[in-house]
């Protein structure tokens, strides 16, 4: 089980790598919130500050769970982290 931090430039790599992890947790950060969450495998989260700053709340509704920094810290502490940002 791993936590994948994903920014837009590495979206394709993240989709491929997360597909090999049946318990993947993917966090879309920065411009990664522009990526299509359905291309990722496992549970998909999006940083609420990045979603809000880019006006993408409606686009991601129901596709990725919006989380804040406290939730991100909990995920980082509880999982092996793979940084694709």
PDB file of N, CA and C in Angstrom:
ATOM      1  N   UNK A   1       0.853  -1.174   0.000  1.00  0.00           N
ATOM      2  CA  UNK A   1       0.000   0.000   0.000  1.00  0.00           C
ATOM      3  C   UNK A   1       0.893   1.230   0.000  1.00  0.00           C
ATOM      4  N   UNK A   2       0.567   2.161  -0.889  1.00  0.00           N
ATOM      5  CA  UNK A   2       1.357   3.387  -0.963  1.00  0.00           C
ATOM      6  C   UNK A   2       0.444   4.583  -1.210  1.00  0.00           C
ATOM      7  N   UNK A   3       0.973   5.725  -0.861  1.00  0.00           N
ATOM      8  CA  UNK A   3       0.319   7.004  -1.089  1.00  0.00           C
ATOM      9  C   UNK A   3       1.090   7.702  -2.188  1.00  0.00           C
ATOM     10  N   UNK A   4       0.412   8.052  -3.270  1.00  0.00           N
ATOM     11  CA  UNK A   4       1.050   8.688  -4.416  1.00  0.00           C
ATOM     12  C   UNK A   4       0.660  10.160  -4.458  1.00  0.00           C
ATOM     13  N   UNK A   5       1.643  11.038  -4.372  1.00  0.00           N
ATOM     14  CA  UNK A   5       1.423  12.483  -4.492  1.00  0.00           C
ATOM     15  C   UNK A   5       1.658  12.831  -5.948  1.00  0.00           C
ATOM     16  N   UNK A   6       0.628  13.344  -6.631  1.00  0.00           N
ATOM     17  CA  UNK A   6       0.678  13.487  -8.082  1.00  0.00           C
ATOM     18  C   UNK A   6       0.422  14.922  -8.532  1.00  0.00           C
ATOM     19  N   UNK A   7       1.371  15.450  -9.306  1.00  0.00           N
ATOM     20  CA  UNK A   7       1.210  16.735  -9.979  1.00  0.00           C
ATOM     21  C   UNK A   7       1.010  16.448 -11.469  1.00  0.00           C
ATOM     22  N   UNK A   8       0.526  17.398 -12.215  1.00  0.00           N
ATOM     23  CA  UNK A   8       0.137  17.197 -13.611  1.00  0.00           C
ATOM     24  C   UNK A   8       1.232  16.637 -14.516  1.00  0.00           C
ATOM     25  N   UNK A   9       2.468  17.111 -14.447  1.00  0.00           N
ATOM     26  CA  UNK A   9       3.475  16.599 -15.392  1.00  0.00           C
ATOM     27  C   UNK A   9       3.684  15.084 -15.320  1.00  0.00           C
ATOM     28  N   UNK A  10       3.385  14.472 -14.201  1.00  0.00           N
ATOM     29  CA  UNK A  10       3.612  13.037 -14.030  1.00  0.00           C
ATOM     30  C   UNK A  10       2.318  12.237 -13.953  1.00  0.00           C
ATOM     31  N   UNK A  11       1.256  12.771 -14.499  1.00  0.00           N
ATOM     32  CA  UNK A  11      -0.047  12.115 -14.429  1.00  0.00           C
ATOM     33  C   UNK A  11      -0.082  10.745 -15.079  1.00  0.00           C
ATOM     34  N   UNK A  12       0.509  10.598 -16.257  1.00  0.00           N
ATOM     35  CA  UNK A  12       0.500   9.302 -16.945  1.00  0.00           C
ATOM     36  C   UNK A  12       1.310   8.266 -16.175  1.00  0.00           C
ATOM     37  N   UNK A  13       2.445   8.687 -15.650  1.00  0.00           N
ATOM     38  CA  UNK A  13       3.281   7.779 -14.857  1.00  0.00           C
ATOM     39  C   UNK A  13       2.511   7.340 -13.613  1.00  0.00           C
ATOM     40  N   UNK A  14       1.859   8.279 -12.951  1.00  0.00           N
ATOM     41  CA  UNK A  14       1.103   7.968 -11.738  1.00  0.00           C
ATOM     42  C   UNK A  14      -0.019   6.982 -12.029  1.00  0.00           C
ATOM     43  N   UNK A  15      -0.701   7.153 -13.144  1.00  0.00           N
ATOM     44  CA  UNK A  15      -1.781   6.230 -13.506  1.00  0.00           C
ATOM     45  C   UNK A  15      -1.234   4.824 -13.701  1.00  0.00           C
ATOM     46  N   UNK A  16      -0.088   4.708 -14.346  1.00  0.00           N
ATOM     47  CA  UNK A  16       0.524   3.392 -14.579  1.00  0.00           C
ATOM     48  C   UNK A  16       1.010   2.751 -13.288  1.00  0.00           C
ATOM     49  N   UNK A  17       1.681   3.530 -12.464  1.00  0.00           N
ATOM     50  CA  UNK A  17       2.240   3.001 -11.221  1.00  0.00           C
ATOM     51  C   UNK A  17       1.133   2.634 -10.245  1.00  0.00           C
ATOM     52  N   UNK A  18       0.127   3.480 -10.115  1.00  0.00           N
ATOM     53  CA  UNK A  18      -0.959   3.184  -9.170  1.00  0.00           C
ATOM     54  C   UNK A  18      -1.766   1.963  -9.606  1.00  0.00           C
ATOM     55  N   UNK A  19      -1.761   1.658 -10.897  1.00  0.00           N
ATOM     56  CA  UNK A  19      -2.478   0.483 -11.392  1.00  0.00           C
ATOM     57  C   UNK A  19      -1.862  -0.808 -10.873  1.00  0.00           C
ATOM     58  N   UNK A  20      -0.595  -0.766 -10.500  1.00  0.00           N
ATOM     59  CA  UNK A  20       0.099  -1.955  -9.998  1.00  0.00           C
ATOM     60  C   UNK A  20      -0.063  -2.129  -8.487  1.00  0.00           C
ATOM     61  N   UNK A  21      -0.774  -1.215  -7.845  1.00  0.00           N
ATOM     62  CA  UNK A  21      -0.948  -1.227  -6.390  1.00  0.00           C
ATOM     63  C   UNK A  21      -2.437  -1.335  -6.083  1.00  0.00           C
ATOM     64  N   UNK A  22      -2.862  -2.494  -5.635  1.00  0.00           N
ATOM     65  CA  UNK A  22      -4.297  -2.707  -5.401  1.00  0.00           C
ATOM     66  C   UNK A  22      -4.851  -1.853  -4.262  1.00  0.00           C
ATOM     67  N   UNK A  23      -3.990  -1.353  -3.390  1.00  0.00           N
ATOM     68  CA  UNK A  23      -4.424  -0.506  -2.276  1.00  0.00           C
ATOM     69  C   UNK A  23      -3.941   0.929  -2.428  1.00  0.00           C
ATOM     70  N   UNK A  24      -3.775   1.381  -3.654  1.00  0.00           N
ATOM     71  CA  UNK A  24      -3.232   2.719  -3.908  1.00  0.00           C
ATOM     72  C   UNK A  24      -4.131   3.813  -3.345  1.00  0.00           C
ATOM     73  N   UNK A  25      -3.471   4.847  -2.862  1.00  0.00           N
ATOM     74  CA  UNK A  25      -4.141   6.083  -2.467  1.00  0.00           C
ATOM     75  C   UNK A  25      -3.423   7.179  -3.238  1.00  0.00           C
ATOM     76  N   UNK A  26      -4.178   7.938  -4.029  1.00  0.00           N
ATOM     77  CA  UNK A  26      -3.602   8.962  -4.897  1.00  0.00           C
ATOM     78  C   UNK A  26      -4.086  10.328  -4.434  1.00  0.00           C
ATOM     79  N   UNK A  27      -3.140  11.248  -4.228  1.00  0.00           N
ATOM     80  CA  UNK A  27      -3.500  12.616  -3.856  1.00  0.00           C
ATOM     81  C   UNK A  27      -3.072  13.535  -4.994  1.00  0.00           C
ATOM     82  N   UNK A  28      -4.056  14.199  -5.605  1.00  0.00           N
ATOM     83  CA  UNK A  28      -3.783  15.169  -6.662  1.00  0.00           C
ATOM     84  C   UNK A  28      -3.425  16.493  -5.999  1.00  0.00           C
ATOM     85  N   UNK A  29      -2.215  16.977  -6.293  1.00  0.00           N
ATOM     86  CA  UNK A  29      -1.736  18.217  -5.691  1.00  0.00           C
ATOM     87  C   UNK A  29      -1.356  19.199  -6.786  1.00  0.00           C
ATOM     88  N   UNK A  30      -1.319  20.471  -6.437  1.00  0.00           N
ATOM     89  CA  UNK A  30      -0.969  21.550  -7.369  1.00  0.00           C
ATOM     90  C   UNK A  30      -1.798  21.397  -8.641  1.00  0.00           C
ATOM     91  N   UNK A  31      -1.156  21.442  -9.818  1.00  0.00           N
ATOM     92  CA  UNK A  31      -1.891  21.316 -11.083  1.00  0.00           C
ATOM     93  C   UNK A  31      -2.361  19.889 -11.352  1.00  0.00           C
ATOM     94  N   UNK A  32      -2.017  18.968 -10.477  1.00  0.00           N
ATOM     95  CA  UNK A  32      -2.526  17.604 -10.597  1.00  0.00           C
ATOM     96  C   UNK A  32      -4.033  17.539 -10.487  1.00  0.00           C
ATOM     97  N   UNK A  33      -4.651  18.562  -9.889  1.00  0.00           N
ATOM     98  CA  UNK A  33      -6.105  18.579  -9.787  1.00  0.00           C
ATOM     99  C   UNK A  33      -6.771  18.726 -11.159  1.00  0.00           C
ATOM    100  N   UNK A  34      -5.997  19.098 -12.188  1.00  0.00           N
ATOM    101  CA  UNK A  34      -6.534  19.157 -13.547  1.00  0.00           C
ATOM    102  C   UNK A  34      -6.641  17.768 -14.181  1.00  0.00           C
ATOM    103  N   UNK A  35      -5.950  16.778 -13.611  1.00  0.00           N
ATOM    104  CA  UNK A  35      -5.978  15.427 -14.165  1.00  0.00           C
ATOM    105  C   UNK A  35      -7.350  14.800 -13.970  1.00  0.00           C
ATOM    106  N   UNK A  36      -7.666  13.842 -14.815  1.00  0.00           N
ATOM    107  CA  UNK A  36      -8.930  13.121 -14.714  1.00  0.00           C
ATOM    108  C   UNK A  36      -8.785  12.043 -13.642  1.00  0.00           C
ATOM    109  N   UNK A  37      -9.498  12.157 -12.528  1.00  0.00           N
ATOM    110  CA  UNK A  37      -9.361  11.177 -11.451  1.00  0.00           C
ATOM    111  C   UNK A  37      -9.680   9.750 -11.885  1.00  0.00           C
ATOM    112  N   UNK A  38     -10.501   9.580 -12.902  1.00  0.00           N
ATOM    113  CA  UNK A  38     -10.867   8.230 -13.335  1.00  0.00           C
ATOM    114  C   UNK A  38      -9.705   7.505 -14.009  1.00  0.00           C
ATOM    115  N   UNK A  39      -8.628   8.204 -14.353  1.00  0.00           N
ATOM    116  CA  UNK A  39      -7.454   7.539 -14.925  1.00  0.00           C
ATOM    117  C   UNK A  39      -6.540   6.977 -13.838  1.00  0.00           C
ATOM    118  N   UNK A  40      -6.779   7.371 -12.592  1.00  0.00           N
ATOM    119  CA  UNK A  40      -5.981   6.881 -11.471  1.00  0.00           C
ATOM    120  C   UNK A  40      -6.642   5.630 -10.897  1.00  0.00           C
ATOM    121  N   UNK A  41      -5.864   4.825 -10.218  1.00  0.00           N
ATOM    122  CA  UNK A  41      -6.369   3.594  -9.623  1.00  0.00           C
ATOM    123  C   UNK A  41      -6.328   3.724  -8.108  1.00  0.00           C
ATOM    124  N   UNK A  42      -7.287   3.113  -7.445  1.00  0.00           N
ATOM    125  CA  UNK A  42      -7.363   3.196  -5.999  1.00  0.00           C
ATOM    126  C   UNK A  42      -8.208   4.379  -5.557  1.00  0.00           C
ATOM    127  N   UNK A  43      -8.050   4.738  -4.311  1.00  0.00           N
ATOM    128  CA  UNK A  43      -8.775   5.880  -3.728  1.00  0.00           C
ATOM    129  C   UNK A  43      -8.106   7.170  -4.172  1.00  0.00           C
ATOM    130  N   UNK A  44      -8.891   8.118  -4.692  1.00  0.00           N
ATOM    131  CA  UNK A  44      -8.333   9.369  -5.205  1.00  0.00           C
ATOM    132  C   UNK A  44      -8.796  10.535  -4.340  1.00  0.00           C
ATOM    133  N   UNK A  45      -7.828  11.345  -3.929  1.00  0.00           N
ATOM    134  CA  UNK A  45      -8.060  12.553  -3.148  1.00  0.00           C
ATOM    135  C   UNK A  45      -7.554  13.750  -3.948  1.00  0.00           C
ATOM    136  N   UNK A  46      -8.059  14.925  -3.637  1.00  0.00           N
ATOM    137  CA  UNK A  46      -7.571  16.164  -4.240  1.00  0.00           C
ATOM    138  C   UNK A  46      -7.426  17.205  -3.137  1.00  0.00           C
ATOM    139  N   UNK A  47      -6.335  17.940  -3.167  1.00  0.00           N
ATOM    140  CA  UNK A  47      -6.104  18.971  -2.156  1.00  0.00           C
ATOM    141  C   UNK A  47      -7.104  20.100  -2.349  1.00  0.00           C
ATOM    142  N   UNK A  48      -7.915  20.358  -1.308  1.00  0.00           N
ATOM    143  CA  UNK A  48      -8.993  21.332  -1.420  1.00  0.00           C
ATOM    144  C   UNK A  48      -8.489  22.740  -1.747  1.00  0.00           C
ATOM    145  N   UNK A  49      -7.339  23.143  -1.216  1.00  0.00           N
ATOM    146  CA  UNK A  49      -6.812  24.475  -1.534  1.00  0.00           C
ATOM    147  C   UNK A  49      -6.497  24.597  -3.020  1.00  0.00           C
ATOM    148  N   UNK A  50      -5.930  23.530  -3.613  1.00  0.00           N
ATOM    149  CA  UNK A  50      -5.596  23.555  -5.040  1.00  0.00           C
ATOM    150  C   UNK A  50      -6.856  23.505  -5.904  1.00  0.00           C
ATOM    151  N   UNK A  51      -7.837  22.720  -5.476  1.00  0.00           N
ATOM    152  CA  UNK A  51      -9.115  22.646  -6.201  1.00  0.00           C
ATOM    153  C   UNK A  51      -9.796  24.016  -6.178  1.00  0.00           C
ATOM    154  N   UNK A  52      -9.837  24.628  -5.014  1.00  0.00           N
ATOM    155  CA  UNK A  52     -10.482  25.932  -4.866  1.00  0.00           C
ATOM    156  C   UNK A  52      -9.756  27.011  -5.676  1.00  0.00           C
ATOM    157  N   UNK A  53      -8.440  27.035  -5.610  1.00  0.00           N
ATOM    158  CA  UNK A  53      -7.657  28.056  -6.319  1.00  0.00           C
ATOM    159  C   UNK A  53      -7.845  27.979  -7.830  1.00  0.00           C
ATOM    160  N   UNK A  54      -8.157  26.788  -8.332  1.00  0.00           N
ATOM    161  CA  UNK A  54      -8.304  26.602  -9.777  1.00  0.00           C
ATOM    162  C   UNK A  54      -9.765  26.532 -10.215  1.00  0.00           C
ATOM    163  N   UNK A  55     -10.682  26.693  -9.274  1.00  0.00           N
ATOM    164  CA  UNK A  55     -12.111  26.706  -9.596  1.00  0.00           C
ATOM    165  C   UNK A  55     -12.637  25.385 -10.122  1.00  0.00           C
ATOM    166  N   UNK A  56     -12.146  24.271  -9.572  1.00  0.00           N
ATOM    167  CA  UNK A  56     -12.505  22.965 -10.104  1.00  0.00           C
ATOM    168  C   UNK A  56     -13.414  22.143  -9.187  1.00  0.00           C
ATOM    169  N   UNK A  57     -14.025  22.770  -8.206  1.00  0.00           N
ATOM    170  CA  UNK A  57     -14.835  22.028  -7.235  1.00  0.00           C
ATOM    171  C   UNK A  57     -15.926  21.213  -7.921  1.00  0.00           C
ATOM    172  N   UNK A  58     -16.681  21.807  -8.824  1.00  0.00           N
ATOM    173  CA  UNK A  58     -17.777  21.101  -9.487  1.00  0.00           C
ATOM    174  C   UNK A  58     -17.266  19.992 -10.398  1.00  0.00           C
ATOM    175  N   UNK A  59     -16.143  20.218 -11.043  1.00  0.00           N
ATOM    176  CA  UNK A  59     -15.577  19.240 -11.980  1.00  0.00           C
ATOM    177  C   UNK A  59     -15.125  17.972 -11.265  1.00  0.00           C
ATOM    178  N   UNK A  60     -14.630  18.110 -10.039  1.00  0.00           N
ATOM    179  CA  UNK A  60     -14.105  16.963  -9.311  1.00  0.00           C
ATOM    180  C   UNK A  60     -15.105  16.336  -8.342  1.00  0.00           C
ATOM    181  N   UNK A  61     -16.256  16.964  -8.182  1.00  0.00           N
ATOM    182  CA  UNK A  61     -17.265  16.456  -7.242  1.00  0.00           C
ATOM    183  C   UNK A  61     -17.648  15.020  -7.591  1.00  0.00           C
ATOM    184  N   UNK A  62     -17.578  14.148  -6.603  1.00  0.00           N
ATOM    185  CA  UNK A  62     -17.940  12.754  -6.802  1.00  0.00           C
ATOM    186  C   UNK A  62     -16.860  11.905  -7.447  1.00  0.00           C
ATOM    187  N   UNK A  63     -15.770  12.523  -7.878  1.00  0.00           N
ATOM    188  CA  UNK A  63     -14.689  11.791  -8.543  1.00  0.00           C
ATOM    189  C   UNK A  63     -13.449  11.682  -7.665  1.00  0.00           C
ATOM    190  N   UNK A  64     -13.241  12.681  -6.818  1.00  0.00           N
ATOM    191  CA  UNK A  64     -12.093  12.695  -5.913  1.00  0.00           C
ATOM    192  C   UNK A  64     -12.547  13.324  -4.603  1.00  0.00           C
ATOM    193  N   UNK A  65     -12.089  12.762  -3.507  1.00  0.00           N
ATOM    194  CA  UNK A  65     -12.426  13.309  -2.200  1.00  0.00           C
ATOM    195  C   UNK A  65     -11.527  14.503  -1.910  1.00  0.00           C
ATOM    196  N   UNK A  66     -12.134  15.621  -1.590  1.00  0.00           N
ATOM    197  CA  UNK A  66     -11.380  16.834  -1.278  1.00  0.00           C
ATOM    198  C   UNK A  66     -10.870  16.755   0.158  1.00  0.00           C
ATOM    199  N   UNK A  67      -9.555  16.997   0.330  1.00  0.00           N
ATOM    200  CA  UNK A  67      -8.956  16.937   1.663  1.00  0.00           C
ATOM    201  C   UNK A  67      -8.112  18.179   1.921  1.00  0.00           C
ATOM    202  N   UNK A  68      -7.915  18.475   3.194  1.00  0.00           N
ATOM    203  CA  UNK A  68      -7.054  19.575   3.611  1.00  0.00           C
ATOM    204  C   UNK A  68      -5.713  19.044   4.099  1.00  0.00           C
ATOM    205  N   UNK A  69      -4.881  19.959   4.576  1.00  0.00           N
ATOM    206  CA  UNK A  69      -3.552  19.568   5.027  1.00  0.00           C
ATOM    207  C   UNK A  69      -3.555  18.628   6.233  1.00  0.00           C
ATOM    208  N   UNK A  70      -4.465  18.779   7.191  1.00  0.00           N
ATOM    209  CA  UNK A  70      -4.464  17.814   8.304  1.00  0.00           C
ATOM    210  C   UNK A  70      -4.698  16.374   7.830  1.00  0.00           C
ATOM    211  N   UNK A  71      -5.613  16.186   6.875  1.00  0.00           N
ATOM    212  CA  UNK A  71      -5.872  14.854   6.338  1.00  0.00           C
ATOM    213  C   UNK A  71      -4.672  14.346   5.538  1.00  0.00           C
ATOM    214  N   UNK A  72      -4.012  15.251   4.798  1.00  0.00           N
ATOM    215  CA  UNK A  72      -2.826  14.857   4.035  1.00  0.00           C
ATOM    216  C   UNK A  72      -1.723  14.375   4.981  1.00  0.00           C
ATOM    217  N   UNK A  73      -1.519  15.083   6.069  1.00  0.00           N
ATOM    218  CA  UNK A  73      -0.506  14.672   7.044  1.00  0.00           C
ATOM    219  C   UNK A  73      -0.837  13.284   7.591  1.00  0.00           C
ATOM    220  N   UNK A  74      -2.096  13.031   7.919  1.00  0.00           N
ATOM    221  CA  UNK A  74      -2.497  11.710   8.403  1.00  0.00           C
ATOM    222  C   UNK A  74      -2.191  10.624   7.370  1.00  0.00           C
ATOM    223  N   UNK A  75      -2.466  10.901   6.104  1.00  0.00           N
ATOM    224  CA  UNK A  75      -2.185   9.938   5.045  1.00  0.00           C
ATOM    225  C   UNK A  75      -0.684   9.698   4.899  1.00  0.00           C
ATOM    226  N   UNK A  76       0.103  10.763   4.983  1.00  0.00           N
ATOM    227  CA  UNK A  76       1.559  10.639   4.852  1.00  0.00           C
ATOM    228  C   UNK A  76       2.134   9.813   6.001  1.00  0.00           C
ATOM    229  N   UNK A  77       1.670  10.080   7.212  1.00  0.00           N
ATOM    230  CA  UNK A  77       2.178   9.355   8.383  1.00  0.00           C
ATOM    231  C   UNK A  77       1.795   7.873   8.322  1.00  0.00           C
ATOM    232  N   UNK A  78       0.636   7.569   7.772  1.00  0.00           N
ATOM    233  CA  UNK A  78       0.138   6.203   7.775  1.00  0.00           C
ATOM    234  C   UNK A  78       0.480   5.352   6.568  1.00  0.00           C
ATOM    235  N   UNK A  79       1.210   5.899   5.596  1.00  0.00           N
ATOM    236  CA  UNK A  79       1.471   5.168   4.365  1.00  0.00           C
ATOM    237  C   UNK A  79       2.886   5.410   3.853  1.00  0.00           C
ATOM    238  N   UNK A  80       3.359   4.495   3.048  1.00  0.00           N
ATOM    239  CA  UNK A  80       4.601   4.697   2.304  1.00  0.00           C
ATOM    240  C   UNK A  80       4.292   5.741   1.223  1.00  0.00           C
ATOM    241  N   UNK A  81       5.144   6.752   1.085  1.00  0.00           N
ATOM    242  CA  UNK A  81       4.877   7.850   0.157  1.00  0.00           C
ATOM    243  C   UNK A  81       5.719   7.718  -1.103  1.00  0.00           C
ATOM    244  N   UNK A  82       5.044   7.853  -2.249  1.00  0.00           N
ATOM    245  CA  UNK A  82       5.712   7.912  -3.546  1.00  0.00           C
ATOM    246  C   UNK A  82       5.386   9.289  -4.121  1.00  0.00           C
ATOM    247  N   UNK A  83       6.419  10.113  -4.241  1.00  0.00           N
ATOM    248  CA  UNK A  83       6.224  11.498  -4.691  1.00  0.00           C
ATOM    249  C   UNK A  83       6.385  11.573  -6.199  1.00  0.00           C
ATOM    250  N   UNK A  84       5.297  11.851  -6.894  1.00  0.00           N
ATOM    251  CA  UNK A  84       5.305  12.036  -8.336  1.00  0.00           C
ATOM    252  C   UNK A  84       4.936  13.474  -8.679  1.00  0.00           C
ATOM    253  N   UNK A  85       5.357  14.376  -7.827  1.00  0.00           N
ATOM    254  CA  UNK A  85       5.049  15.798  -8.025  1.00  0.00           C
ATOM    255  C   UNK A  85       6.249  16.521  -8.601  1.00  0.00           C
TER     256      UNK A  85
END
